[in-house]
Protein backbone atom coordinates (compact mmCIF):
# COMPACT_ATOMS: atom_id res chain seq x y z
CA MET A 1 0.00 0.00 0.00
CA LYS A 2 1.78 3.14 -1.20
CA PHE A 3 -0.46 5.76 0.40
CA THR A 4 -1.38 5.03 3.96
CA LYS A 5 -1.85 8.47 5.50
CA VAL A 6 -5.48 9.51 5.17
CA ILE A 7 -6.74 12.97 6.10
CA ILE A 8 -10.17 13.81 7.43
CA SER A 9 -10.61 17.56 7.22
CA GLY A 10 -13.14 20.35 6.89
CA GLY A 11 -14.28 23.31 8.92
CA PRO A 12 -14.16 23.28 12.70
CA GLY A 13 -17.03 21.67 14.55
CA PHE A 14 -18.39 19.53 11.73
CA GLY A 15 -17.52 16.08 13.11
CA LYS A 16 -13.90 15.23 12.26
CA THR A 17 -12.86 14.28 15.76
CA SER A 18 -15.90 12.07 16.28
CA ILE A 19 -14.93 10.09 13.17
CA ILE A 20 -11.31 9.86 14.32
CA ASP A 21 -12.51 8.58 17.71
CA GLU A 22 -14.72 5.99 15.99
CA LEU A 23 -11.80 4.85 13.83
CA GLU A 24 -9.65 4.54 16.94
CA ASN A 25 -12.39 2.51 18.65
CA ARG A 26 -12.24 0.18 15.65
CA ASN A 27 -8.49 -0.24 16.24
CA TYR A 28 -7.28 1.86 13.32
CA ASN A 29 -4.19 3.98 13.81
CA VAL A 30 -5.11 7.64 14.24
CA MET A 31 -3.36 10.95 14.70
CA HIS A 32 -5.41 13.34 16.80
CA GLU A 33 -5.86 17.05 16.11
CA VAL A 34 -2.72 18.90 17.16
CA SER A 35 -4.17 22.41 17.38
CA ARG A 36 -6.56 21.55 20.21
CA SER A 37 -3.69 20.20 22.30
CA ILE A 38 -1.66 23.38 21.72
CA ILE A 39 -4.64 25.55 22.66
CA LYS A 40 -5.27 23.47 25.78
CA GLU A 41 -1.60 23.73 26.80
CA GLN A 42 -1.61 27.49 26.29
CA LEU A 43 -4.86 28.05 28.17
CA GLU A 44 -3.67 25.94 31.11
CA SER A 45 -0.27 27.66 31.28
CA GLY A 46 -1.57 31.19 30.69
CA GLY A 47 0.38 31.34 27.43
CA ASP A 48 -0.50 33.51 24.45
CA ILE A 49 0.32 31.17 21.55
CA LEU A 50 -3.34 31.04 20.65
CA PRO A 51 -4.89 31.49 17.21
CA TRP A 52 -6.97 34.44 18.39
CA LYS A 53 -3.96 36.17 20.02
CA ASN A 54 -0.85 35.23 18.07
CA LEU A 55 -1.79 33.38 14.90
CA THR A 56 1.65 33.58 13.27
CA THR A 57 3.45 31.91 16.19
CA PHE A 58 0.57 29.48 16.70
CA SER A 59 0.75 28.49 13.01
CA ARG A 60 4.52 27.95 13.24
CA LEU A 61 4.20 25.73 16.32
CA LEU A 62 1.28 23.85 14.75
CA PHE A 63 3.25 23.37 11.53
CA GLU A 64 6.22 21.93 13.44
CA ARG A 65 4.02 19.52 15.39
CA ARG A 66 2.03 18.37 12.35
CA VAL A 67 5.25 17.69 10.44
CA LYS A 68 6.57 15.70 13.41
CA GLN A 69 3.25 13.84 13.61
CA PHE A 70 3.47 13.02 9.89
CA GLU A 71 7.09 11.87 10.16
CA ASN A 72 6.39 9.70 13.21
CA ALA A 73 3.39 7.96 11.62
CA ASN A 74 3.95 4.26 11.03
CA ASN A 75 3.57 3.38 7.35
CA SER A 76 2.52 -0.25 7.81
CA ASN A 77 -1.27 0.34 7.83
CA TRP A 78 -3.82 3.05 7.20
CA ILE A 79 -3.30 5.98 9.54
CA PHE A 80 -6.09 8.53 9.83
CA PHE A 81 -5.24 12.16 10.53
CA ASP A 82 -7.58 14.68 12.14
CA ARG A 83 -6.39 17.41 9.73
CA GLY A 84 -3.15 17.43 7.79
CA ILE A 85 -0.26 19.78 7.22
CA PRO A 86 -2.05 21.59 4.33
CA ASP A 87 -4.81 22.68 6.74
CA ILE A 88 -2.30 25.14 8.19
CA LEU A 89 -1.91 26.76 4.76
CA ALA A 90 -5.68 27.13 4.54
CA TYR A 91 -5.95 28.85 7.91
CA MET A 92 -3.02 31.13 7.09
CA ASN A 93 -4.56 31.99 3.70
CA LYS A 94 -7.90 32.74 5.35
CA ASP A 95 -6.19 35.26 7.63
CA ASN A 96 -3.92 36.67 4.91
CA LEU A 97 -0.72 35.51 6.60
CA GLU A 98 2.42 35.07 4.55
CA ILE A 99 3.23 31.40 4.01
CA PRO A 100 6.97 30.71 4.20
CA ASN A 101 8.51 28.88 1.24
CA SER A 102 9.77 26.23 3.67
CA TYR A 103 6.14 25.36 4.47
CA MET A 104 5.33 24.86 0.81
CA LEU A 105 8.40 22.67 0.30
CA LYS A 106 7.46 20.53 3.30
CA VAL A 107 3.86 20.19 2.09
CA GLU A 108 5.18 18.89 -1.25
CA GLU A 109 7.49 16.47 0.55
CA CYS A 110 4.84 15.11 2.92
CA SER A 111 2.26 13.43 0.72
CA TYR A 112 -0.93 11.89 1.97
CA PHE A 113 -3.45 9.53 0.39
CA PRO A 114 -4.65 11.34 -2.79
CA VAL A 115 -8.24 11.62 -1.54
CA ILE A 116 -9.10 13.92 1.35
CA PHE A 117 -12.34 13.22 3.21
CA ILE A 118 -14.17 16.45 4.01
CA VAL A 119 -16.81 16.85 6.70
CA PRO A 120 -19.22 19.44 5.28
CA PRO A 121 -20.86 22.28 7.19
CA TRP A 122 -23.62 20.86 9.35
CA GLU A 123 -25.29 23.43 11.56
CA GLU A 124 -27.24 20.86 13.58
CA ILE A 125 -24.06 19.33 15.03
CA TYR A 126 -21.91 22.47 15.16
CA LYS A 127 -20.85 23.85 18.52
CA ASN A 128 -18.01 26.00 19.71
CA ASP A 129 -16.18 25.81 23.03
CA ASP A 130 -13.21 27.32 24.86
CA GLN A 131 -10.85 25.89 22.21
CA ARG A 132 -13.05 26.46 19.15
CA MET A 133 -13.95 30.12 19.00
CA GLU A 134 -15.24 30.37 15.42
CA ASP A 135 -18.91 31.03 14.86
CA TYR A 136 -20.80 28.88 12.36
CA LYS A 137 -20.40 31.38 9.48
CA THR A 138 -16.62 31.53 9.97
CA ALA A 139 -16.44 27.74 10.24
CA CYS A 140 -18.21 27.50 6.85
CA GLU A 141 -15.78 30.00 5.31
CA LEU A 142 -12.85 28.02 6.67
CA ASN A 143 -14.34 24.85 5.21
CA ASP A 144 -14.39 26.44 1.74
CA VAL A 145 -10.77 27.60 2.05
CA ILE A 146 -9.68 24.15 3.27
CA VAL A 147 -11.36 22.40 0.32
CA ASP A 148 -9.81 24.91 -2.13
CA THR A 149 -6.37 24.47 -0.56
CA TYR A 150 -6.40 20.69 -0.89
CA GLN A 151 -7.74 20.84 -4.44
CA ASN A 152 -5.10 23.44 -5.42
CA LEU A 153 -2.45 21.07 -4.07
CA GLY A 154 -3.75 18.33 -6.39
CA TYR A 155 -5.75 16.28 -3.91
CA ASN A 156 -9.22 14.99 -4.69
CA THR A 157 -11.85 15.77 -2.09
CA VAL A 158 -14.77 13.59 -1.13
CA ILE A 159 -17.54 15.27 0.82
CA LEU A 160 -18.86 12.97 3.52
CA PRO A 161 -22.62 12.56 3.74
CA LYS A 162 -24.52 13.98 6.70
CA ILE A 163 -25.18 10.67 8.41
CA SER A 164 -24.25 9.18 11.78
CA VAL A 165 -20.62 8.95 12.90
CA LYS A 166 -20.71 5.17 12.50
CA GLU A 167 -22.09 5.48 8.96
CA ARG A 168 -19.56 8.18 8.02
CA THR A 169 -16.78 5.94 9.29
CA ASP A 170 -18.17 2.99 7.32
CA PHE A 171 -18.33 5.23 4.24
CA ILE A 172 -14.61 6.08 4.56
CA ILE A 173 -13.54 2.47 5.11
CA ASN A 174 -15.70 1.23 2.22
CA TYR A 175 -14.31 3.96 -0.05
CA LEU A 176 -10.73 3.00 0.80
CA GLU A 177 -11.39 -0.70 0.32
CA THR A 178 -13.02 -0.01 -3.05
CA TYR A 179 -10.13 2.27 -4.03
CA LEU A 180 -7.71 -0.60 -3.48
CA LEU A 181 -9.58 -3.00 -5.78
């Protein structure tokens, strides 16, 4: 299996983490969302490396951790990522931040499975919290930028249907199994 690193992405609050958790419950290898752990660390320590306070430094730290996560991922089986390195480019583009050339080179170097699974905007399940500050409208805008970013990088995107977490997870697994035939 050449491509084993599979990204589940989309706007914040649309169900990515629930799918990742379901995949983990099914004994698949997963890589959890890095940005939430950084935000939690910063909130607990009183730090200011937060996307709503210092987005440039937050993006740099997030980039470093996602690259490390990618590099540490075992290539023997499917590994599912709650967002990938290109998501950082999308967020930076959304906020008109300059993207260093080194980021673009690393994105080219770190290739994922050619299909990115996108959780679409779904207002009925959306909620924000102390780590997810975006309102629904902003989350939808981010979703559009994320999809555009992956497509501009040459990835195909598959929009997941608005069905239960179990059914979304089944959809992904069935898609991957069919892809391999």
